[in-house]
Amino acid sequence: MAIPAATPVLLEKNDIPLAAAMLARAFESDPKMTHLLPDIAARTDRSRFLFEFEIRYGLIYGEVYATSPACEGVCVWLPSEKSAITLWRAFRAGGFRLRDQLGPEGFNRLMSFSDRVDALHAQHLSVPHIYLFFIGVDPVNQGQGLAGKLIRPMLERLDARGFPCYLNTQNEKNVGLYEHFGFRVVDRQMIPGSSIIHTAMVRDPRSET
């Protein structure tokens, strides 16, 4: 077993299957994933395809980090101008296969969910910023501070540049974690057609005093 590095390592293209499999486990019971893929028997396999796509997207348009080559934890950061997944960007990242991989109903739920989340994102932060697209830690490695190891280096970079950061979560349990890193809640609302409570959070850059 690899020992997580003191600082995150850049994820390589060859690491995508391993990272996606870990994320599928990490998000198996996440409210967003249970909404998109309610069939628990198929959820892990189908969500793996979604995470493979999202990691490829991050490698093309942003930065993807792992705790170590073993991918105990993974996060994807995107510049705000690349945070909306357009048709062309999705095509470049292999998204043309998602309808078959998720099934028509899962794909349609994803499109509806993404449209709403993107609209809220644009509403709450219009200045240039960095978007924490997602972060996940393998269930067997949770509670070891790996999320902090993934998040802190980027937040330090953003503070140095004077850049804000945006994220959203559909898991109420994570709100306190993000508040610990300086994020504040700017919106909390139910996603139409679901039981998901969507929380939007912003972190303003910190300056040295």
Protein backbone atom coordinates (compact mmCIF):
# COMPACT_ATOMS: atom_id res chain seq x y z
CA MET A 1 0.00 0.00 0.00
CA ALA A 2 1.37 3.41 -0.98
CA ILE A 3 1.81 6.01 1.74
CA PRO A 4 -0.09 9.23 0.92
CA ALA A 5 2.33 11.99 0.00
CA ALA A 6 2.76 15.04 2.23
CA THR A 7 1.53 17.11 -0.71
CA PRO A 8 -0.84 16.00 -3.48
CA VAL A 9 0.52 14.49 -6.67
CA LEU A 10 -0.76 15.26 -10.13
CA LEU A 11 -3.01 12.51 -11.42
CA GLU A 12 -1.86 10.84 -14.62
CA LYS A 13 -4.09 9.67 -17.46
CA ASN A 14 -3.21 6.06 -16.69
CA ASP A 15 -4.57 6.55 -13.16
CA ILE A 16 -8.11 7.32 -14.32
CA PRO A 17 -9.60 3.80 -13.90
CA LEU A 18 -8.18 3.42 -10.38
CA ALA A 19 -9.29 6.89 -9.32
CA ALA A 20 -12.78 6.49 -10.80
CA ALA A 21 -13.29 3.15 -9.05
CA MET A 22 -12.33 4.74 -5.73
CA LEU A 23 -14.70 7.67 -6.29
CA ALA A 24 -17.55 5.33 -7.17
CA ARG A 25 -17.08 3.72 -3.75
CA ALA A 26 -16.72 7.06 -1.99
CA PHE A 27 -19.93 8.47 -3.48
CA GLU A 28 -22.01 5.30 -3.45
CA SER A 29 -24.43 6.69 -0.84
CA ASP A 30 -24.07 10.37 -1.74
CA PRO A 31 -27.46 12.10 -2.24
CA LYS A 32 -26.54 13.31 -5.71
CA MET A 33 -25.51 9.85 -6.86
CA THR A 34 -28.54 8.13 -5.36
CA HIS A 35 -30.71 10.63 -7.25
CA LEU A 36 -28.93 10.18 -10.56
CA LEU A 37 -28.67 6.39 -10.28
CA PRO A 38 -31.35 5.08 -7.90
CA ASP A 39 -30.71 1.43 -8.83
CA ILE A 40 -28.19 0.50 -6.15
CA ALA A 41 -27.23 -2.72 -7.95
CA ALA A 42 -25.99 -0.75 -10.97
CA ARG A 43 -24.90 2.46 -9.24
CA THR A 44 -21.25 1.68 -8.56
CA ASP A 45 -20.50 0.50 -12.10
CA ARG A 46 -22.40 3.32 -13.78
CA SER A 47 -21.04 6.05 -11.52
CA ARG A 48 -17.54 4.85 -12.33
CA PHE A 49 -18.14 5.83 -15.95
CA LEU A 50 -19.29 9.28 -14.83
CA PHE A 51 -16.19 9.79 -12.71
CA GLU A 52 -13.93 8.63 -15.55
CA PHE A 53 -15.49 11.32 -17.72
CA GLU A 54 -15.21 13.99 -15.03
CA ILE A 55 -11.57 13.17 -14.34
CA ARG A 56 -10.77 13.32 -18.07
CA TYR A 57 -12.52 16.67 -18.16
CA GLY A 58 -10.39 17.87 -15.26
CA LEU A 59 -7.18 16.69 -16.91
CA ILE A 60 -8.04 18.62 -20.08
CA TYR A 61 -9.39 21.82 -18.57
CA GLY A 62 -8.11 22.01 -15.00
CA GLU A 63 -5.91 20.24 -12.48
CA VAL A 64 -6.46 16.80 -10.94
CA TYR A 65 -4.65 15.71 -7.79
CA ALA A 66 -4.38 12.50 -5.81
CA THR A 67 -3.02 11.76 -2.37
CA SER A 68 -0.58 9.26 -3.91
CA PRO A 69 -0.41 6.97 -6.96
CA ALA A 70 -2.73 4.64 -5.01
CA CYS A 71 -5.47 7.29 -5.23
CA GLU A 72 -6.74 7.12 -1.65
CA GLY A 73 -8.22 10.56 -2.34
CA VAL A 74 -8.76 12.61 -5.49
CA CYS A 75 -9.85 16.17 -6.23
CA VAL A 76 -10.51 18.14 -9.41
CA TRP A 77 -10.07 21.91 -9.68
CA LEU A 78 -11.35 23.95 -12.62
CA PRO A 79 -10.86 27.59 -13.62
CA SER A 80 -14.21 29.36 -13.58
CA GLU A 81 -14.20 29.91 -17.34
CA LYS A 82 -14.05 26.13 -17.89
CA SER A 83 -16.48 25.08 -15.16
CA ALA A 84 -19.51 24.85 -17.45
CA ILE A 85 -19.36 21.61 -19.44
CA THR A 86 -20.31 22.65 -22.95
CA LEU A 87 -21.14 20.16 -25.69
CA TRP A 88 -17.72 20.52 -27.31
CA ARG A 89 -15.86 20.20 -24.02
CA ALA A 90 -17.90 17.15 -23.10
CA PHE A 91 -17.13 15.59 -26.49
CA ARG A 92 -13.39 16.16 -26.01
CA ALA A 93 -13.57 14.42 -22.63
CA GLY A 94 -15.44 11.40 -23.99
CA GLY A 95 -18.89 12.44 -22.81
CA PHE A 96 -20.58 11.15 -25.96
CA ARG A 97 -20.62 7.71 -24.33
CA LEU A 98 -22.36 8.79 -21.14
CA ARG A 99 -25.93 8.27 -22.33
CA ASP A 100 -25.27 4.59 -22.94
CA GLN A 101 -23.12 4.21 -19.83
CA LEU A 102 -25.58 5.85 -17.42
CA GLY A 103 -28.75 4.73 -19.17
CA PRO A 104 -31.28 7.20 -20.65
CA GLU A 105 -32.95 8.02 -17.32
CA GLY A 106 -29.68 8.52 -15.48
CA PHE A 107 -28.32 10.66 -18.30
CA ASN A 108 -31.44 12.85 -18.38
CA ARG A 109 -31.28 13.33 -14.61
CA LEU A 110 -27.63 14.32 -14.94
CA MET A 111 -28.40 16.90 -17.63
CA SER A 112 -31.22 18.45 -15.62
CA PHE A 113 -29.16 18.48 -12.44
CA SER A 114 -26.10 19.98 -14.17
CA ASP A 115 -28.12 22.75 -15.82
CA ARG A 116 -29.53 23.82 -12.47
CA VAL A 117 -26.20 23.64 -10.65
CA ASP A 118 -24.40 25.59 -13.40
CA ALA A 119 -27.04 28.32 -13.25
CA LEU A 120 -26.65 28.65 -9.49
CA HIS A 121 -22.87 28.73 -9.84
CA ALA A 122 -23.04 31.63 -12.29
CA GLN A 123 -25.51 33.43 -10.05
CA HIS A 124 -23.38 33.33 -6.92
CA LEU A 125 -19.87 34.03 -8.19
CA SER A 126 -19.29 35.90 -11.44
CA VAL A 127 -15.69 37.08 -10.91
CA PRO A 128 -12.75 34.87 -11.97
CA HIS A 129 -12.24 32.09 -9.45
CA ILE A 130 -11.35 28.43 -9.02
CA TYR A 131 -14.04 25.78 -8.75
CA LEU A 132 -13.59 22.70 -6.59
CA PHE A 133 -15.43 20.38 -8.98
CA PHE A 134 -15.33 17.48 -6.54
CA ILE A 135 -13.23 15.79 -3.91
CA GLY A 136 -13.53 12.21 -2.70
CA VAL A 137 -11.67 9.95 -0.29
CA ASP A 138 -11.88 6.17 -0.26
CA PRO A 139 -14.18 5.05 2.59
CA VAL A 140 -11.39 2.91 4.07
CA ASN A 141 -9.15 5.99 4.31
CA GLN A 142 -11.63 8.55 5.59
CA GLY A 143 -10.98 10.24 8.90
CA GLN A 144 -7.21 10.45 8.29
CA GLY A 145 -7.05 14.09 7.20
CA LEU A 146 -6.61 13.28 3.51
CA ALA A 147 -9.24 15.81 2.41
CA GLY A 148 -7.22 18.55 4.06
CA LYS A 149 -4.03 17.39 2.34
CA LEU A 150 -5.82 17.67 -0.99
CA ILE A 151 -7.49 21.02 -0.35
CA ARG A 152 -4.95 23.14 1.54
CA PRO A 153 -2.23 23.48 -1.13
CA MET A 154 -4.67 24.93 -3.66
CA LEU A 155 -6.21 27.28 -1.11
CA GLU A 156 -2.73 28.57 -0.29
CA ARG A 157 -2.13 29.23 -3.99
CA LEU A 158 -5.45 31.04 -4.27
CA ASP A 159 -4.69 33.18 -1.23
CA ALA A 160 -1.37 34.19 -2.78
CA ARG A 161 -3.13 35.17 -6.01
CA GLY A 162 -6.12 36.80 -4.33
CA PHE A 163 -8.56 34.38 -5.96
CA PRO A 164 -11.85 33.19 -4.44
CA CYS A 165 -12.96 29.57 -4.59
CA TYR A 166 -16.40 28.06 -5.18
CA LEU A 167 -17.84 24.64 -4.49
CA ASN A 168 -21.17 22.96 -4.11
CA THR A 169 -22.21 19.93 -2.12
CA GLN A 170 -25.36 17.86 -1.87
CA ASN A 171 -24.21 16.18 1.33
CA GLU A 172 -25.08 18.14 4.46
CA LYS A 173 -22.41 16.23 6.38
CA ASN A 174 -19.71 17.95 4.32
CA VAL A 175 -20.78 21.54 5.00
CA GLY A 176 -18.96 21.73 8.33
CA LEU A 177 -15.80 20.29 6.77
CA TYR A 178 -15.74 23.00 4.13
CA GLU A 179 -16.50 25.70 6.68
CA HIS A 180 -13.40 24.54 8.53
CA PHE A 181 -11.37 25.49 5.44
CA GLY A 182 -12.91 28.96 5.27
CA PHE A 183 -15.88 28.41 2.96
CA ARG A 184 -19.20 30.06 3.77
CA VAL A 185 -22.68 29.07 2.66
CA VAL A 186 -24.13 31.45 0.06
CA ASP A 187 -27.20 29.42 -0.90
CA ARG A 188 -29.06 26.33 0.19
CA GLN A 189 -32.07 25.08 -1.75
CA MET A 190 -33.88 22.00 -2.96
CA ILE A 191 -33.09 20.88 -6.49
CA PRO A 192 -36.41 20.74 -8.41
CA GLY A 193 -37.63 17.22 -9.11
CA SER A 194 -35.49 15.69 -6.38
CA SER A 195 -35.05 15.48 -2.63
CA ILE A 196 -31.53 16.90 -2.90
CA ILE A 197 -30.55 19.88 -0.77
CA HIS A 198 -27.97 21.78 -2.77
CA THR A 199 -25.52 23.94 -0.84
CA ALA A 200 -23.35 26.51 -2.62
CA MET A 201 -20.25 27.74 -0.80
CA VAL A 202 -17.65 30.44 -1.45
CA ARG A 203 -14.25 31.03 0.10
CA ASP A 204 -12.79 34.52 -0.12
CA PRO A 205 -9.01 34.79 -0.37
CA ARG A 206 -7.21 35.35 2.88
CA SER A 207 -4.49 37.95 3.18
CA GLU A 208 -1.57 37.82 5.57
CA THR A 209 -1.82 40.20 8.50
